């Protein structure tokens, strides 16, 4: 039942979170989970609960860790989201955590971190565009 797989969802969720806010991250994450896990015929409720708890945890760490563009902080946030998401989801689905799960969690963290390190510079333009889109004021002022 347990298998090692880099979780691109967590990297995606953390990327959205770092460049927007909790509400937008939750909406994008919920949409992603609903589409992907429904398509794969997986009950998305455990993942949805785990995502919500992971986002709350990231929100707690956001102020102290987040300096946009700092790869170390983003790696830490991906690690935190991986630990929280996978642990909560596994507890909901299996009702227990064993040593096999801890080994798999460690390997998934390594995979996720390697992916973040490899993709960090390639997604920089997307990061800047996303940050610009959601951080600027959309109020137009006109003087007559």
Protein backbone atom coordinates (compact mmCIF):
# COMPACT_ATOMS: atom_id res chain seq x y z
CA UNK A 1 0.00 0.00 0.00
CA UNK A 2 2.85 2.41 0.80
CA UNK A 3 5.09 3.45 -2.06
CA UNK A 4 7.76 6.03 -2.75
CA UNK A 5 6.82 8.76 -5.19
CA UNK A 6 7.81 12.38 -5.43
CA UNK A 7 4.68 14.35 -4.72
CA UNK A 8 4.49 17.08 -7.34
CA UNK A 9 1.26 18.27 -5.75
CA UNK A 10 3.16 19.39 -2.64
CA UNK A 11 5.72 21.26 -4.72
CA UNK A 12 2.90 22.89 -6.69
CA UNK A 13 1.00 23.77 -3.49
CA UNK A 14 4.07 25.25 -1.81
CA UNK A 15 4.94 27.21 -4.96
CA UNK A 16 1.43 28.71 -5.08
CA UNK A 17 1.51 29.40 -1.32
CA UNK A 18 4.88 31.16 -1.40
CA UNK A 19 3.77 33.47 -4.19
CA UNK A 20 0.16 34.15 -3.18
CA UNK A 21 -1.68 33.52 0.09
CA UNK A 22 -3.55 30.87 2.09
CA UNK A 23 -6.93 31.37 0.42
CA UNK A 24 -5.65 31.22 -3.16
CA UNK A 25 -3.42 28.23 -2.30
CA UNK A 26 -6.37 26.37 -0.82
CA UNK A 27 -8.56 27.06 -3.88
CA UNK A 28 -5.85 25.95 -6.35
CA UNK A 29 -4.96 22.92 -4.20
CA UNK A 30 -8.58 21.83 -3.72
CA UNK A 31 -9.24 22.14 -7.45
CA UNK A 32 -6.11 20.12 -8.26
CA UNK A 33 -6.98 17.37 -5.74
CA UNK A 34 -10.58 17.19 -6.89
CA UNK A 35 -9.61 16.77 -10.54
CA UNK A 36 -6.61 14.45 -10.15
CA UNK A 37 -7.85 12.17 -7.38
CA UNK A 38 -11.34 11.88 -8.87
CA UNK A 39 -9.75 10.99 -12.21
CA UNK A 40 -7.62 8.34 -10.46
CA UNK A 41 -10.68 7.11 -8.54
CA UNK A 42 -9.14 7.96 -5.15
CA UNK A 43 -11.06 9.31 -2.18
CA UNK A 44 -9.84 12.92 -2.07
CA UNK A 45 -11.16 13.71 1.44
CA UNK A 46 -8.00 12.51 3.33
CA UNK A 47 -5.82 14.51 0.94
CA UNK A 48 -8.05 17.57 1.29
CA UNK A 49 -7.84 17.45 5.10
CA UNK A 50 -4.08 16.89 4.97
CA UNK A 51 -3.68 19.78 2.52
CA UNK A 52 -5.65 22.12 4.78
CA UNK A 53 -3.53 21.21 7.82
CA UNK A 54 -0.33 21.54 5.78
CA UNK A 55 -1.37 25.01 4.61
CA UNK A 56 -2.16 26.09 8.17
CA UNK A 57 1.28 24.86 9.22
CA UNK A 58 2.94 26.68 6.32
CA UNK A 59 1.08 29.84 7.32
CA UNK A 60 2.63 29.57 10.80
CA UNK A 61 6.13 29.30 9.31
CA UNK A 62 5.58 31.78 6.48
CA UNK A 63 6.46 34.97 8.35
CA UNK A 64 9.64 33.63 9.89
CA UNK A 65 10.92 31.76 6.82
CA UNK A 66 9.61 33.46 3.76
CA UNK A 67 11.84 35.78 1.85
CA UNK A 68 10.76 35.56 -1.75
CA UNK A 69 13.44 34.17 -3.98
CA UNK A 70 15.38 32.38 -1.24
CA UNK A 71 15.84 28.75 -2.26
CA UNK A 72 16.73 27.53 1.25
CA UNK A 73 13.45 28.83 2.67
CA UNK A 74 11.45 27.27 -0.14
CA UNK A 75 13.21 23.94 0.42
CA UNK A 76 12.32 24.15 4.12
CA UNK A 77 8.69 24.94 3.30
CA UNK A 78 8.50 21.99 0.86
CA UNK A 79 9.97 19.74 3.57
CA UNK A 80 7.41 20.95 6.11
CA UNK A 81 4.52 20.47 3.69
CA UNK A 82 5.75 16.99 2.75
CA UNK A 83 6.00 15.86 6.38
CA UNK A 84 2.64 17.29 7.42
CA UNK A 85 0.67 16.29 4.31
CA UNK A 86 1.97 12.72 4.06
CA UNK A 87 1.71 12.06 7.81
CA UNK A 88 -1.86 13.34 8.14
CA UNK A 89 -3.02 11.60 4.97
CA UNK A 90 -1.45 8.30 6.06
CA UNK A 91 -2.96 8.55 9.54
CA UNK A 92 -6.42 9.16 8.07
CA UNK A 93 -6.14 6.36 5.50
CA UNK A 94 -4.25 3.70 7.51
CA UNK A 95 -4.83 4.74 11.14
CA UNK A 96 -1.16 4.07 11.99
CA UNK A 97 2.40 4.99 11.11
CA UNK A 98 5.17 2.41 11.04
CA UNK A 99 8.89 2.37 10.27
CA UNK A 100 8.21 1.63 6.59
CA UNK A 101 6.21 4.84 6.36
CA UNK A 102 9.04 6.84 7.95
CA UNK A 103 11.53 5.42 5.43
CA UNK A 104 9.21 6.26 2.56
CA UNK A 105 8.58 9.75 3.96
CA UNK A 106 12.32 10.38 4.12
CA UNK A 107 12.79 9.24 0.50
CA UNK A 108 9.84 11.35 -0.68
CA UNK A 109 11.33 14.39 1.03
CA UNK A 110 14.64 13.78 -0.74
CA UNK A 111 12.86 13.41 -4.11
CA UNK A 112 10.79 16.56 -3.55
CA UNK A 113 13.85 18.55 -2.50
CA UNK A 114 15.82 17.42 -5.54
CA UNK A 115 12.94 18.40 -7.81
CA UNK A 116 12.73 21.83 -6.16
CA UNK A 117 16.48 22.36 -6.53
CA UNK A 118 16.38 21.33 -10.19
CA UNK A 119 13.28 23.35 -11.10
CA UNK A 120 13.98 26.44 -8.97
CA UNK A 121 15.57 28.57 -11.69
CA UNK A 122 13.33 27.24 -14.46
CA UNK A 123 10.15 28.37 -12.69
CA UNK A 124 11.51 31.80 -11.74
CA UNK A 125 9.60 33.61 -14.54
CA UNK A 126 6.35 31.91 -13.46
CA UNK A 127 7.06 32.84 -9.84
CA UNK A 128 7.55 36.49 -10.75
CA UNK A 129 4.41 36.59 -12.92
CA UNK A 130 2.30 34.88 -10.25
CA UNK A 131 3.64 37.16 -7.55
CA UNK A 132 2.98 40.22 -9.72
CA UNK A 133 -0.57 39.08 -10.54
CA UNK A 134 -1.63 38.45 -6.96
CA UNK A 135 0.31 41.15 -5.13
CA UNK A 136 -0.51 44.27 -7.14
CA UNK A 137 -3.50 46.41 -6.48
CA UNK A 138 -6.20 45.90 -9.06
CA UNK A 139 -7.82 49.25 -8.33
CA UNK A 140 -7.76 51.67 -11.21
CA UNK A 141 -7.86 55.33 -10.31
CA UNK A 142 -8.87 57.96 -12.80
CA UNK A 143 -8.77 61.65 -12.53
CA UNK A 144 -11.44 63.54 -14.45
